[in-house]
N, C-alpha and C. Protein backbone atom coordinates (compact mmCIF):
# COMPACT_ATOMS: atom_id res chain seq x y z
N UNK A 1 -47.80 -8.68 -76.41
CA UNK A 1 -47.58 -8.26 -74.93
C UNK A 1 -48.86 -7.44 -74.97
N UNK A 2 -49.10 -6.82 -75.98
CA UNK A 2 -50.33 -6.01 -76.23
C UNK A 2 -51.67 -6.91 -75.93
N UNK A 3 -51.66 -8.17 -76.41
CA UNK A 3 -52.72 -8.97 -76.13
C UNK A 3 -52.85 -9.64 -75.01
N UNK A 4 -51.97 -9.78 -74.22
CA UNK A 4 -51.60 -10.26 -72.83
C UNK A 4 -52.45 -9.29 -72.10
N UNK A 5 -51.83 -8.01 -72.23
CA UNK A 5 -52.29 -6.89 -71.48
C UNK A 5 -53.98 -6.90 -71.57
N UNK A 6 -54.15 -7.02 -72.75
CA UNK A 6 -55.94 -7.17 -73.29
C UNK A 6 -56.56 -7.86 -72.13
N UNK A 7 -55.75 -9.34 -72.34
CA UNK A 7 -56.64 -10.13 -71.56
C UNK A 7 -56.65 -10.26 -70.38
N UNK A 8 -55.67 -9.43 -69.81
CA UNK A 8 -55.76 -9.53 -68.25
C UNK A 8 -56.67 -8.30 -67.84
N UNK A 9 -56.74 -7.22 -68.65
CA UNK A 9 -57.87 -6.16 -68.24
C UNK A 9 -59.17 -6.81 -68.70
N UNK A 10 -59.30 -7.72 -69.42
CA UNK A 10 -60.73 -8.21 -69.58
C UNK A 10 -60.95 -9.06 -68.52
N UNK A 11 -60.00 -9.95 -67.95
CA UNK A 11 -60.41 -10.79 -67.04
C UNK A 11 -60.55 -9.80 -65.76
N UNK A 12 -59.97 -8.99 -65.46
CA UNK A 12 -60.08 -7.99 -64.27
C UNK A 12 -61.55 -7.34 -64.41
N UNK A 13 -62.01 -6.70 -65.62
CA UNK A 13 -63.10 -6.57 -65.77
C UNK A 13 -64.39 -7.28 -65.50
N UNK A 14 -63.99 -8.39 -65.77
CA UNK A 14 -65.18 -9.68 -65.93
C UNK A 14 -65.19 -9.92 -64.32
N UNK A 15 -64.01 -10.15 -63.64
CA UNK A 15 -64.26 -10.47 -62.16
C UNK A 15 -64.86 -9.34 -61.51
N UNK A 16 -64.57 -7.89 -61.48
CA UNK A 16 -65.26 -7.04 -60.93
C UNK A 16 -66.82 -6.76 -61.14
N UNK A 17 -66.95 -7.15 -62.53
CA UNK A 17 -68.66 -7.17 -63.06
C UNK A 17 -69.47 -8.19 -62.26
N UNK A 18 -68.68 -9.35 -62.20
CA UNK A 18 -69.31 -10.38 -61.38
C UNK A 18 -69.46 -10.20 -59.90
N UNK A 19 -68.46 -9.37 -59.34
CA UNK A 19 -68.40 -9.04 -57.82
C UNK A 19 -69.57 -7.99 -57.76
N UNK A 20 -69.77 -6.87 -58.49
CA UNK A 20 -70.66 -5.97 -58.50
C UNK A 20 -72.12 -6.24 -58.47
N UNK A 21 -72.40 -7.48 -59.13
CA UNK A 21 -73.63 -7.69 -59.64
C UNK A 21 -73.93 -9.05 -58.48
N UNK A 22 -73.07 -9.49 -57.46
CA UNK A 22 -73.27 -10.61 -56.74
C UNK A 22 -73.71 -10.04 -55.18
N UNK A 23 -74.59 -10.69 -54.30
CA UNK A 23 -74.52 -9.97 -52.98
C UNK A 23 -73.62 -11.06 -52.37
N UNK A 24 -73.47 -10.38 -51.07
CA UNK A 24 -72.43 -11.21 -50.05
C UNK A 24 -72.54 -13.13 -50.11
N UNK A 25 -73.96 -13.16 -49.92
CA UNK A 25 -74.04 -14.73 -49.92
C UNK A 25 -73.88 -15.34 -51.10
N UNK A 26 -73.98 -14.66 -52.45
CA UNK A 26 -73.70 -15.34 -53.46
C UNK A 26 -72.09 -15.36 -53.93
N UNK A 27 -71.42 -14.57 -53.29
CA UNK A 27 -69.86 -14.49 -53.44
C UNK A 27 -69.27 -15.80 -52.77
N UNK A 28 -69.98 -15.84 -51.51
CA UNK A 28 -69.41 -16.97 -51.00
C UNK A 28 -69.62 -18.42 -51.35
N UNK A 29 -70.99 -18.22 -52.05
CA UNK A 29 -71.76 -19.74 -52.38
C UNK A 29 -71.29 -20.05 -53.88
N UNK A 30 -71.00 -19.17 -54.81
CA UNK A 30 -70.79 -19.59 -56.14
C UNK A 30 -69.34 -19.80 -56.44
N UNK A 31 -69.65 -21.10 -56.99
CA UNK A 31 -67.93 -21.49 -57.39
C UNK A 31 -67.74 -20.98 -58.90
N UNK A 32 -68.48 -20.46 -59.52
CA UNK A 32 -68.00 -19.67 -60.59
C UNK A 32 -67.09 -18.45 -60.49
N UNK A 33 -67.35 -17.83 -59.62
CA UNK A 33 -66.57 -16.84 -59.17
C UNK A 33 -65.13 -17.19 -58.63
N UNK A 34 -65.08 -18.42 -57.94
CA UNK A 34 -63.84 -18.76 -57.26
C UNK A 34 -63.25 -19.24 -58.62
N UNK A 35 -63.93 -19.99 -59.27
CA UNK A 35 -63.05 -20.49 -60.37
C UNK A 35 -62.64 -19.53 -61.45
N UNK A 36 -63.46 -18.49 -61.83
CA UNK A 36 -62.81 -17.35 -62.58
C UNK A 36 -61.36 -16.73 -61.63
N UNK A 37 -61.39 -16.69 -60.56
CA UNK A 37 -60.53 -16.11 -59.87
C UNK A 37 -59.26 -16.79 -59.85
N UNK A 38 -59.31 -18.38 -59.73
CA UNK A 38 -58.26 -19.34 -59.77
C UNK A 38 -57.99 -19.05 -61.70
N UNK A 39 -58.69 -19.09 -62.18
CA UNK A 39 -58.11 -19.04 -63.84
C UNK A 39 -57.49 -17.69 -63.98
N UNK A 40 -57.94 -16.72 -63.35
CA UNK A 40 -57.38 -15.50 -63.86
C UNK A 40 -55.81 -15.51 -63.24
N UNK A 41 -55.82 -16.37 -61.89
CA UNK A 41 -54.65 -16.40 -61.18
C UNK A 41 -53.28 -17.08 -62.13
N UNK A 42 -53.87 -18.32 -62.68
CA UNK A 42 -53.29 -19.04 -63.82
C UNK A 42 -52.98 -18.09 -65.08
N UNK A 43 -53.69 -17.54 -65.46
CA UNK A 43 -53.45 -16.95 -66.76
C UNK A 43 -52.72 -15.68 -66.59
N UNK A 44 -52.55 -15.02 -65.41
CA UNK A 44 -51.68 -13.99 -64.96
C UNK A 44 -50.50 -14.30 -64.91
N UNK A 45 -50.26 -15.50 -64.20
CA UNK A 45 -48.90 -16.16 -64.28
C UNK A 45 -48.32 -16.26 -65.56
N UNK A 46 -49.05 -17.01 -66.31
CA UNK A 46 -48.43 -17.11 -67.83
C UNK A 46 -48.46 -16.21 -68.40
N UNK A 47 -49.03 -14.83 -68.41
CA UNK A 47 -48.82 -14.05 -69.13
C UNK A 47 -47.52 -13.30 -68.47
N UNK A 48 -47.31 -13.11 -66.91
CA UNK A 48 -46.34 -12.47 -66.60
C UNK A 48 -44.87 -13.46 -66.91
N UNK A 49 -44.95 -14.57 -67.11
CA UNK A 49 -43.84 -15.19 -67.61
C UNK A 49 -43.28 -15.12 -69.05
N UNK A 50 -44.47 -14.89 -69.97
CA UNK A 50 -44.43 -14.12 -71.28
C UNK A 50 -43.46 -12.93 -71.44
N UNK A 51 -44.36 -12.26 -70.40
CA UNK A 51 -43.59 -10.62 -70.36
C UNK A 51 -42.18 -10.89 -70.08
N UNK A 52 -41.75 -11.39 -69.08
CA UNK A 52 -40.26 -11.56 -68.72
C UNK A 52 -39.47 -12.20 -69.81
N UNK A 53 -40.14 -13.12 -70.32
CA UNK A 53 -39.20 -13.36 -71.70
C UNK A 53 -39.24 -12.56 -72.76
N UNK A 54 -40.34 -11.95 -73.00
CA UNK A 54 -40.21 -10.73 -74.05
C UNK A 54 -39.17 -9.58 -73.93
N UNK A 55 -39.05 -9.40 -72.37
CA UNK A 55 -37.76 -8.48 -72.04
C UNK A 55 -36.65 -8.97 -72.49
N UNK A 56 -36.31 -10.18 -72.43
CA UNK A 56 -35.22 -10.68 -72.44
C UNK A 56 -35.09 -10.79 -73.90
N UNK A 57 -35.77 -11.15 -74.77
CA UNK A 57 -35.66 -11.26 -76.04
C UNK A 57 -35.54 -9.71 -76.40
N UNK A 58 -36.12 -8.75 -76.12
CA UNK A 58 -35.98 -7.41 -76.68
C UNK A 58 -34.47 -6.97 -76.38
N UNK A 59 -34.16 -7.19 -75.13
CA UNK A 59 -32.80 -6.74 -74.85
C UNK A 59 -31.53 -7.42 -75.76
N UNK A 60 -31.99 -8.60 -76.20
CA UNK A 60 -31.18 -9.38 -77.20
C UNK A 60 -31.04 -8.45 -78.44
N UNK A 61 -32.40 -7.95 -78.85
CA UNK A 61 -32.54 -7.60 -80.23
C UNK A 61 -31.94 -6.05 -80.22
N UNK A 62 -31.95 -5.62 -79.22
CA UNK A 62 -31.42 -4.06 -79.00
C UNK A 62 -29.41 -4.43 -79.17
N UNK A 63 -29.60 -5.36 -78.44
CA UNK A 63 -27.85 -5.71 -78.34
C UNK A 63 -27.29 -6.11 -80.02
N UNK A 64 -28.10 -6.68 -80.73
CA UNK A 64 -27.90 -7.25 -81.84
C UNK A 64 -28.01 -5.86 -82.70
N UNK A 65 -28.99 -5.33 -82.75
CA UNK A 65 -29.30 -4.15 -83.43
C UNK A 65 -28.28 -3.11 -83.47
N UNK A 66 -27.67 -2.98 -82.25
CA UNK A 66 -26.49 -1.79 -82.14
C UNK A 66 -25.15 -2.58 -82.75
N UNK A 67 -24.95 -3.73 -82.60
CA UNK A 67 -23.72 -4.20 -83.22
C UNK A 67 -23.56 -3.99 -84.97
N UNK A 68 -24.67 -3.98 -85.33
CA UNK A 68 -24.64 -3.56 -86.80
C UNK A 68 -24.84 -2.33 -87.21
N UNK A 69 -24.73 -1.42 -86.28
CA UNK A 69 -24.83 0.12 -86.61
C UNK A 69 -23.57 0.64 -87.65
N UNK A 70 -22.52 0.02 -87.50
CA UNK A 70 -21.51 0.36 -88.53
C UNK A 70 -22.03 -0.21 -90.13
N UNK A 71 -22.44 -1.03 -90.16
CA UNK A 71 -23.09 -1.57 -91.38
C UNK A 71 -24.11 -0.57 -92.28
N UNK A 72 -24.70 -0.19 -90.93
CA UNK A 72 -25.95 1.09 -91.68
C UNK A 72 -25.22 2.29 -91.65
N UNK A 73 -24.33 2.82 -91.04
CA UNK A 73 -23.23 3.82 -91.35
C UNK A 73 -22.65 3.87 -92.59
N UNK A 74 -22.08 2.73 -92.70
CA UNK A 74 -21.42 2.67 -94.59
C UNK A 74 -22.43 2.82 -95.42
N UNK A 75 -23.79 2.35 -95.42
CA UNK A 75 -24.73 2.46 -96.39
C UNK A 75 -25.25 3.86 -96.38
N UNK A 76 -25.19 4.44 -95.29
CA UNK A 76 -25.74 5.71 -95.09
C UNK A 76 -24.66 6.53 -95.94
N UNK A 77 -23.52 6.55 -95.70
CA UNK A 77 -22.39 7.45 -96.02
C UNK A 77 -22.28 7.05 -97.53
N UNK A 78 -22.37 6.11 -98.27
CA UNK A 78 -22.50 5.79 -99.48
C UNK A 78 -24.04 6.51 -100.22
N UNK A 79 -24.74 6.16 -99.54
CA UNK A 79 -26.03 6.58 -100.29
C UNK A 79 -25.66 8.43 -100.39
N UNK A 80 -25.61 8.90 -99.18
CA UNK A 80 -25.49 10.32 -99.44
C UNK A 80 -24.34 10.90 -100.46
N UNK A 81 -23.31 9.98 -100.60
CA UNK A 81 -22.35 10.56 -101.84
C UNK A 81 -23.23 10.44 -102.96
N UNK A 82 -23.75 9.13 -103.07
CA UNK A 82 -24.70 8.87 -104.56
C UNK A 82 -25.79 9.94 -104.67
N UNK A 83 -26.35 10.33 -103.89
CA UNK A 83 -27.51 11.43 -103.88
C UNK A 83 -26.72 12.70 -104.10
N UNK A 84 -25.43 12.79 -103.90
CA UNK A 84 -24.81 14.26 -104.28
C UNK A 84 -24.10 14.27 -105.65
N UNK A 85 -24.09 13.20 -106.12
CA UNK A 85 -23.89 13.06 -107.49
C UNK A 85 -24.40 13.78 -108.74
N UNK A 86 -25.58 14.38 -108.02
CA UNK A 86 -26.61 15.05 -109.34
C UNK A 86 -25.84 16.67 -109.25
N UNK A 87 -24.85 17.13 -108.31
CA UNK A 87 -24.45 18.21 -108.18
C UNK A 87 -23.00 18.22 -109.16
N UNK A 88 -22.60 16.99 -109.65
CA UNK A 88 -21.64 16.77 -110.41
C UNK A 88 -22.31 16.98 -112.05
N UNK A 89 -23.33 16.26 -112.09
CA UNK A 89 -23.82 16.26 -113.57
C UNK A 89 -25.41 15.96 -113.20
N UNK A 90 -26.33 16.62 -113.74
CA UNK A 90 -27.83 16.51 -113.31
C UNK A 90 -28.07 15.02 -113.60
N UNK A 91 -27.55 14.23 -115.04
CA UNK A 91 -27.89 13.17 -115.06
C UNK A 91 -27.86 12.44 -113.91
N UNK A 92 -27.03 12.28 -113.03
CA UNK A 92 -26.79 11.64 -112.20
C UNK A 92 -27.91 11.39 -110.90
N UNK A 93 -28.82 11.02 -111.17
CA UNK A 93 -30.35 11.00 -110.42
C UNK A 93 -30.38 9.45 -110.13
N UNK A 94 -30.00 9.10 -108.78
CA UNK A 94 -30.36 7.86 -108.46
C UNK A 94 -31.38 7.91 -107.20
N UNK A 95 -32.32 7.14 -107.11
CA UNK A 95 -33.25 7.05 -105.86
C UNK A 95 -32.95 6.30 -104.86
N UNK A 96 -33.35 6.67 -103.85
CA UNK A 96 -33.17 6.09 -102.54
C UNK A 96 -33.61 4.59 -102.70
N UNK A 97 -34.60 4.13 -103.38
CA UNK A 97 -35.04 2.94 -103.51
C UNK A 97 -34.01 2.12 -104.26
N UNK A 98 -33.39 2.69 -105.03
CA UNK A 98 -32.48 2.00 -106.16
C UNK A 98 -31.17 1.52 -105.15
N UNK A 99 -31.00 2.64 -104.25
CA UNK A 99 -30.02 2.26 -103.60
C UNK A 99 -30.06 1.51 -102.19
N UNK A 100 -31.48 1.15 -101.81
CA UNK A 100 -31.84 0.61 -100.84
C UNK A 100 -31.78 -1.25 -101.39
N UNK A 101 -32.39 -1.18 -103.12
CA UNK A 101 -32.38 -2.58 -103.45
C UNK A 101 -30.58 -2.77 -103.68
N UNK A 102 -29.86 -2.31 -103.61
CA UNK A 102 -28.45 -2.50 -104.07
C UNK A 102 -27.94 -2.96 -102.53
N UNK A 103 -28.20 -2.15 -101.79
CA UNK A 103 -27.82 -2.47 -100.35
C UNK A 103 -28.40 -3.75 -99.62
N UNK A 104 -29.49 -4.06 -100.04
CA UNK A 104 -30.02 -5.50 -99.86
C UNK A 104 -29.56 -6.52 -100.63
N UNK A 105 -29.45 -6.33 -101.72
CA UNK A 105 -28.55 -7.29 -102.55
C UNK A 105 -27.17 -7.57 -102.02
N UNK A 106 -26.47 -6.42 -101.50
CA UNK A 106 -25.08 -6.73 -101.29
C UNK A 106 -25.01 -7.36 -100.03
N UNK A 107 -26.24 -7.39 -98.98
CA UNK A 107 -26.62 -7.93 -97.48
C UNK A 107 -26.46 -9.60 -98.03
N UNK A 108 -27.49 -9.71 -98.81
CA UNK A 108 -27.49 -11.17 -99.31
C UNK A 108 -26.32 -11.78 -99.80
N UNK A 109 -25.66 -11.05 -100.69
CA UNK A 109 -24.47 -11.65 -101.33
C UNK A 109 -23.18 -11.70 -100.34
N UNK A 110 -23.24 -11.05 -99.18
CA UNK A 110 -22.01 -10.99 -98.58
C UNK A 110 -21.84 -12.21 -97.76
N UNK A 111 -20.57 -12.87 -97.59
CA UNK A 111 -20.05 -13.98 -97.06
C UNK A 111 -20.64 -14.05 -95.80
N UNK A 112 -21.06 -15.25 -95.51
CA UNK A 112 -21.65 -15.50 -94.09
C UNK A 112 -20.53 -15.92 -92.93
N UNK A 113 -20.57 -15.46 -91.91
CA UNK A 113 -19.48 -15.87 -90.66
C UNK A 113 -20.20 -15.92 -89.40
N UNK A 114 -19.56 -16.69 -88.67
CA UNK A 114 -20.30 -17.19 -87.26
C UNK A 114 -19.84 -15.96 -86.28
N UNK A 115 -18.47 -15.41 -86.67
CA UNK A 115 -17.81 -14.50 -85.87
C UNK A 115 -18.64 -13.20 -86.10
N UNK A 116 -19.31 -12.30 -85.23
CA UNK A 116 -19.62 -11.32 -85.66
C UNK A 116 -19.01 -10.15 -86.16
N UNK A 117 -17.51 -10.10 -85.77
CA UNK A 117 -16.71 -8.99 -86.15
C UNK A 117 -16.35 -9.41 -87.89
N UNK A 118 -16.09 -10.68 -87.89
CA UNK A 118 -15.51 -10.88 -89.38
C UNK A 118 -17.08 -10.97 -90.43
N UNK A 119 -18.16 -11.13 -89.84
CA UNK A 119 -19.53 -10.83 -90.50
C UNK A 119 -19.59 -9.35 -90.94
N UNK A 120 -19.37 -8.40 -90.13
CA UNK A 120 -19.57 -7.04 -89.95
C UNK A 120 -18.51 -6.28 -91.21
N UNK A 121 -17.30 -7.08 -91.28
CA UNK A 121 -16.35 -6.61 -92.23
C UNK A 121 -16.99 -7.17 -93.62
N UNK A 122 -17.20 -8.19 -93.58
CA UNK A 122 -17.68 -8.90 -94.97
C UNK A 122 -19.11 -8.01 -95.40
N UNK A 123 -19.77 -7.62 -94.44
CA UNK A 123 -21.06 -6.77 -94.79
C UNK A 123 -20.77 -5.37 -95.64
N UNK A 124 -19.85 -4.90 -94.62
CA UNK A 124 -19.45 -3.43 -95.02
C UNK A 124 -18.48 -3.29 -96.16
N UNK A 125 -17.65 -4.61 -96.49
CA UNK A 125 -16.89 -4.62 -97.64
C UNK A 125 -17.73 -4.87 -98.89
N UNK A 126 -18.58 -5.86 -98.62
CA UNK A 126 -19.28 -6.19 -99.98
C UNK A 126 -20.42 -5.17 -100.17
N UNK A 127 -21.06 -4.51 -99.15
CA UNK A 127 -21.79 -3.12 -99.54
C UNK A 127 -21.14 -2.15 -100.24
N UNK A 128 -19.93 -1.82 -99.91
CA UNK A 128 -19.28 -0.75 -100.36
C UNK A 128 -18.88 -0.96 -101.93
N UNK A 129 -18.18 -2.36 -101.92
CA UNK A 129 -18.12 -2.54 -103.54
C UNK A 129 -19.11 -2.78 -104.44
N UNK A 130 -20.43 -3.20 -104.00
CA UNK A 130 -21.36 -3.43 -105.02
C UNK A 130 -21.87 -2.18 -105.12
N UNK A 131 -22.33 -1.34 -104.51
CA UNK A 131 -22.86 -0.11 -104.65
C UNK A 131 -22.02 0.92 -105.33
N UNK A 132 -20.77 0.84 -104.96
CA UNK A 132 -19.59 1.62 -105.60
C UNK A 132 -19.61 1.01 -107.30
N UNK A 133 -19.58 0.01 -107.48
CA UNK A 133 -19.63 -0.73 -108.81
C UNK A 133 -20.73 -0.31 -109.67
N UNK A 134 -22.00 -0.46 -108.98
CA UNK A 134 -23.07 -0.60 -109.85
C UNK A 134 -23.39 1.02 -110.33
N UNK A 135 -23.28 1.81 -109.28
CA UNK A 135 -23.20 3.26 -109.51
C UNK A 135 -22.55 3.88 -110.40
N UNK A 136 -20.88 3.46 -110.38
CA UNK A 136 -19.95 3.61 -111.27
C UNK A 136 -19.98 3.15 -112.60
N UNK A 137 -20.84 2.41 -112.98
CA UNK A 137 -21.25 1.96 -114.35
C UNK A 137 -22.13 2.81 -115.14
N UNK A 138 -22.81 3.98 -114.09
CA UNK A 138 -23.67 4.69 -114.97
C UNK A 138 -22.92 6.28 -114.95
N UNK A 139 -21.84 6.25 -114.78
CA UNK A 139 -21.02 7.66 -114.50
C UNK A 139 -19.89 7.48 -115.82
N UNK A 140 -19.76 8.90 -116.25
CA UNK A 140 -18.94 9.19 -117.24
C UNK A 140 -17.56 8.98 -116.63
N UNK A 141 -16.57 8.43 -117.56
CA UNK A 141 -15.06 7.89 -116.86
C UNK A 141 -14.61 9.08 -116.34
N UNK A 142 -14.73 10.33 -116.63
CA UNK A 142 -13.96 11.74 -116.17
C UNK A 142 -14.81 11.40 -114.86
N UNK A 143 -15.82 11.46 -114.17
CA UNK A 143 -16.38 11.58 -113.09
C UNK A 143 -16.14 10.19 -112.10
N UNK A 144 -15.74 9.63 -112.43
CA UNK A 144 -15.23 7.92 -111.42
C UNK A 144 -14.54 8.31 -110.42
N UNK A 145 -13.59 9.18 -111.07
CA UNK A 145 -12.42 9.41 -109.93
C UNK A 145 -12.79 10.24 -108.85
N UNK A 146 -13.55 11.23 -109.08
CA UNK A 146 -14.34 12.08 -108.26
C UNK A 146 -15.19 11.21 -107.55
N UNK A 147 -16.08 10.33 -107.76
CA UNK A 147 -17.11 9.37 -107.22
C UNK A 147 -16.02 8.99 -106.23
N UNK A 148 -14.97 8.02 -106.67
CA UNK A 148 -14.19 7.34 -105.82
C UNK A 148 -13.47 7.95 -104.57
N UNK A 149 -13.16 9.64 -105.06
CA UNK A 149 -12.56 10.36 -103.84
C UNK A 149 -13.82 10.48 -103.02
N UNK A 150 -14.72 10.98 -103.43
CA UNK A 150 -15.76 11.08 -102.30
C UNK A 150 -16.19 10.27 -101.18
N UNK A 151 -16.24 9.04 -101.57
CA UNK A 151 -16.64 7.69 -101.08
C UNK A 151 -15.28 7.84 -100.06
N UNK A 152 -14.08 7.77 -100.59
CA UNK A 152 -13.08 7.61 -99.57
C UNK A 152 -12.74 8.52 -98.56
N UNK A 153 -13.31 9.86 -99.05
CA UNK A 153 -13.06 10.99 -97.91
C UNK A 153 -14.37 10.97 -96.93
N UNK A 154 -15.27 10.62 -97.45
CA UNK A 154 -16.58 10.47 -96.56
C UNK A 154 -16.22 9.46 -95.48
N UNK A 155 -15.61 8.20 -95.93
CA UNK A 155 -15.41 7.34 -95.02
C UNK A 155 -14.42 7.83 -93.90
N UNK A 156 -13.39 8.36 -94.74
CA UNK A 156 -12.55 8.76 -93.56
C UNK A 156 -12.82 9.88 -92.54
N UNK A 157 -13.69 10.89 -92.82
CA UNK A 157 -14.25 11.86 -92.41
C UNK A 157 -15.17 11.21 -91.25
N UNK A 158 -16.05 10.33 -91.64
CA UNK A 158 -16.81 9.75 -90.63
C UNK A 158 -15.82 8.80 -89.30
N UNK A 159 -15.02 8.36 -89.97
CA UNK A 159 -14.01 7.77 -88.85
C UNK A 159 -13.29 8.82 -88.26
N UNK A 160 -13.00 10.03 -88.66
CA UNK A 160 -12.41 10.89 -87.87
C UNK A 160 -11.09 11.03 -87.90
N UNK A 161 -10.39 10.60 -89.34
CA UNK A 161 -9.16 10.44 -89.77
C UNK A 161 -9.02 11.80 -90.35
N UNK A 162 -9.87 12.23 -91.16
CA UNK A 162 -9.89 13.54 -91.91
C UNK A 162 -10.85 14.44 -91.21
N UNK A 163 -10.17 15.32 -90.34
CA UNK A 163 -10.86 16.49 -89.39
C UNK A 163 -11.66 17.63 -89.99
N UNK A 164 -12.57 18.26 -89.52
CA UNK A 164 -13.37 19.18 -90.17
C UNK A 164 -12.15 20.46 -90.60
N UNK A 165 -11.16 20.91 -89.62
CA UNK A 165 -10.76 22.04 -90.27
C UNK A 165 -9.66 21.42 -91.74
N UNK A 166 -9.25 20.21 -91.58
CA UNK A 166 -8.43 19.78 -92.79
C UNK A 166 -9.36 19.64 -94.08
N UNK A 167 -10.36 19.29 -93.85
CA UNK A 167 -11.19 19.36 -94.81
C UNK A 167 -11.89 20.50 -95.37
N UNK A 168 -12.13 21.56 -94.70
CA UNK A 168 -12.48 22.81 -95.04
C UNK A 168 -11.04 23.49 -95.61
N UNK A 169 -9.96 23.01 -95.41
CA UNK A 169 -8.58 23.74 -95.98
C UNK A 169 -8.62 23.32 -97.46
N UNK A 170 -8.86 21.89 -97.72
CA UNK A 170 -9.02 21.01 -98.84
C UNK A 170 -10.12 21.70 -99.81
N UNK A 171 -11.07 21.92 -99.54
CA UNK A 171 -12.26 22.45 -99.99
C UNK A 171 -11.89 24.02 -100.61
N UNK A 172 -11.39 24.78 -99.43
CA UNK A 172 -11.81 26.37 -99.65
C UNK A 172 -10.15 27.03 -99.89
N UNK A 173 -9.39 26.28 -99.62
CA UNK A 173 -7.83 26.64 -99.47
C UNK A 173 -7.56 27.07 -98.13
N UNK A 174 -6.30 27.95 -97.81
CA UNK A 174 -6.12 28.41 -96.68
C UNK A 174 -7.06 29.74 -96.70
N UNK A 175 -7.46 29.99 -95.04
CA UNK A 175 -8.47 31.05 -95.02
C UNK A 175 -7.25 32.15 -94.42
N UNK A 176 -7.74 33.51 -94.62
CA UNK A 176 -6.58 34.78 -94.55
C UNK A 176 -6.93 34.70 -92.88
N UNK A 177 -5.90 35.16 -92.60
CA UNK A 177 -5.74 35.40 -91.04
C UNK A 177 -6.15 36.91 -90.48
N UNK A 178 -7.10 36.68 -89.45
CA UNK A 178 -7.62 37.79 -88.87
C UNK A 178 -6.96 38.57 -87.84
N UNK A 179 -7.02 39.85 -87.60
CA UNK A 179 -6.08 40.36 -86.30
C UNK A 179 -6.21 39.48 -85.11
N UNK A 180 -7.37 38.86 -84.85
CA UNK A 180 -7.43 38.27 -83.42
C UNK A 180 -6.76 37.09 -83.56
N UNK A 181 -6.45 36.19 -84.72
CA UNK A 181 -5.44 35.13 -84.85
C UNK A 181 -4.16 35.42 -84.94
N UNK A 182 -3.69 36.64 -85.18
CA UNK A 182 -2.27 36.65 -85.22
C UNK A 182 -1.86 37.25 -83.67
N UNK A 183 -0.78 36.42 -83.48
CA UNK A 183 -0.34 36.61 -81.99
C UNK A 183 0.81 37.38 -81.84
N UNK A 184 0.98 38.66 -81.60
CA UNK A 184 2.09 39.47 -81.85
C UNK A 184 3.06 39.25 -80.58
């Protein structure tokens, strides 16, 4: 599209330059200027058609990209759980690049399907299992349960199954009542 826009601008500048250098008699007599205008009109129509096609394709890409957001969200959830493992043990350092590599391998390994919903389910399932398995291999046995718990609760928190107050209650225990909360 940028190349097409530059082509249109160049043609416009060439025509204006030719008009500026020509006299009235030359403008009416010269075939080159008329040919230039005809060529410009043809090229402009071709470019306009390509731009219209590009807009349609761009819309299709946006729609397709939006349908894969749940897969990206699952990858994000798992990555942030993996990144937080260093809070359990300082040895658990995994780079974003490593998790991205696992994510890409999981996408390649996921079963293909012509149905979008089935494809998304396959991708989410394969990504979750593969990253879980590969990261769990490097964890101490005692920490694998915490890792599983963090993934499961993170997925449920993102889905809205575990709400913020419930999660805070689990982490911090019951909060003491203040005078404003007590209804006499």
